[in-house]
């Protein structure tokens, strides 16, 4: 009567790939802007932890600055003042400071 029949539009050619293209682009952006730099930073931190030796000046994640006196498998002994040595976990060492930093503070 007054209402005409509604028919579905024909499928667009190549519609499957075009519908996934934005998701693929977002994943590539996440990889290059978030995942890859984080992996690079973790690799650098691991190399720094493995290269620790007695005499290095370090800053911990808690903000403690001191000189490494002994390095073990999982723990590091850090001298924070004269005759005051603390034991911390290796992964708590955040930064390797340049030599002479403690004297300048």
Protein backbone atom coordinates (compact mmCIF):
# COMPACT_ATOMS: atom_id res chain seq x y z
CA UNK A 1 0.00 0.00 0.00
CA UNK A 2 1.63 3.19 1.23
CA UNK A 3 4.80 1.64 2.66
CA UNK A 4 7.43 0.43 0.22
CA UNK A 5 9.67 -2.52 0.92
CA UNK A 6 13.14 -1.83 2.32
CA UNK A 7 16.02 -3.78 0.85
CA UNK A 8 19.59 -4.14 2.20
CA UNK A 9 22.29 -2.22 0.40
CA UNK A 10 24.76 -4.28 -1.60
CA UNK A 11 28.00 -5.16 0.20
CA UNK A 12 30.92 -2.84 -0.44
CA UNK A 13 33.86 -4.50 -2.21
CA UNK A 14 36.76 -5.20 0.14
CA UNK A 15 34.67 -4.45 3.20
CA UNK A 16 36.30 -7.07 5.43
CA UNK A 17 39.77 -5.57 5.33
CA UNK A 18 38.51 -2.00 5.50
CA UNK A 19 36.55 -2.74 8.67
CA UNK A 20 39.66 -4.12 10.44
CA UNK A 21 42.04 -1.44 9.15
CA UNK A 22 41.41 1.06 12.01
CA UNK A 23 41.99 -1.68 14.61
CA UNK A 24 45.23 -2.69 12.90
CA UNK A 25 46.42 0.92 12.76
CA UNK A 26 45.64 1.44 16.46
CA UNK A 27 47.55 -1.73 17.39
CA UNK A 28 50.59 -0.61 15.35
CA UNK A 29 50.52 2.81 17.03
CA UNK A 30 50.28 1.22 20.50
CA UNK A 31 53.23 -1.02 19.69
CA UNK A 32 55.52 1.78 18.51
CA UNK A 33 54.44 4.40 21.06
CA UNK A 34 53.91 2.31 24.22
CA UNK A 35 55.06 -1.30 24.10
CA UNK A 36 58.39 -0.96 22.27
CA UNK A 37 59.76 1.95 24.37
CA UNK A 38 58.73 0.16 27.59
CA UNK A 39 60.55 -3.00 26.51
CA UNK A 40 63.65 -0.97 25.63
CA UNK A 41 63.62 0.78 29.01
CA UNK A 42 63.20 -2.53 30.85
CA UNK A 43 66.14 -4.00 28.92
CA UNK A 44 68.34 -1.01 29.83
CA UNK A 45 67.36 -1.26 33.52
CA UNK A 46 68.15 -4.99 33.57
CA UNK A 47 71.58 -4.35 32.01
CA UNK A 48 72.27 -1.62 34.58
CA UNK A 49 71.31 -3.94 37.46
CA UNK A 50 73.54 -6.73 36.13
CA UNK A 51 76.49 -4.31 35.78
CA UNK A 52 76.35 -3.06 39.39
CA UNK A 53 79.63 -3.32 41.27
CA UNK A 54 81.07 -2.18 44.59
CA UNK A 55 81.83 1.55 44.57
CA UNK A 56 78.96 2.58 42.29
CA UNK A 57 76.75 5.43 43.49
CA UNK A 58 73.05 4.67 43.15
CA UNK A 59 69.59 6.08 43.85
CA UNK A 60 66.88 3.67 44.93
CA UNK A 61 63.19 3.68 44.08
CA UNK A 62 62.52 5.01 47.60
CA UNK A 63 64.80 8.01 47.05
CA UNK A 64 67.76 6.78 49.10
CA UNK A 65 71.16 7.74 47.69
CA UNK A 66 74.27 5.78 48.60
CA UNK A 67 77.36 3.88 47.55
CA UNK A 68 77.25 0.17 46.77
CA UNK A 69 79.50 -1.83 49.10
CA UNK A 70 78.53 -5.41 48.23
CA UNK A 71 76.56 -7.01 45.41
CA UNK A 72 74.81 -10.35 45.89
CA UNK A 73 72.52 -12.43 43.71
CA UNK A 74 69.28 -10.72 44.81
CA UNK A 75 70.40 -8.02 47.25
CA UNK A 76 72.76 -5.05 47.25
CA UNK A 77 74.40 -3.49 50.31
CA UNK A 78 74.33 0.30 50.10
CA UNK A 79 76.23 2.63 52.44
CA UNK A 80 74.02 5.68 52.97
CA UNK A 81 76.27 7.41 55.53
CA UNK A 82 79.41 6.63 57.51
CA UNK A 83 79.02 3.16 59.08
CA UNK A 84 75.37 2.89 58.01
CA UNK A 85 74.77 0.09 55.51
CA UNK A 86 71.36 -1.07 54.31
CA UNK A 87 70.47 -4.13 52.26
CA UNK A 88 68.03 -3.59 49.41
CA UNK A 89 66.71 -5.74 46.59
CA UNK A 90 68.53 -5.30 43.31
CA UNK A 91 65.44 -4.25 41.38
CA UNK A 92 64.91 -1.37 43.85
CA UNK A 93 68.01 0.35 42.42
CA UNK A 94 66.54 2.88 40.05
CA UNK A 95 69.44 4.99 38.80
CA UNK A 96 73.19 4.68 38.54
CA UNK A 97 74.61 8.09 39.46
CA UNK A 98 77.81 9.62 38.07
CA UNK A 99 80.86 9.25 40.35
CA UNK A 100 81.17 12.06 42.90
CA UNK A 101 77.45 12.83 43.08
CA UNK A 102 77.22 12.01 46.80
CA UNK A 103 80.11 14.35 47.65
CA UNK A 104 78.44 17.22 45.77
CA UNK A 105 75.18 16.91 47.73
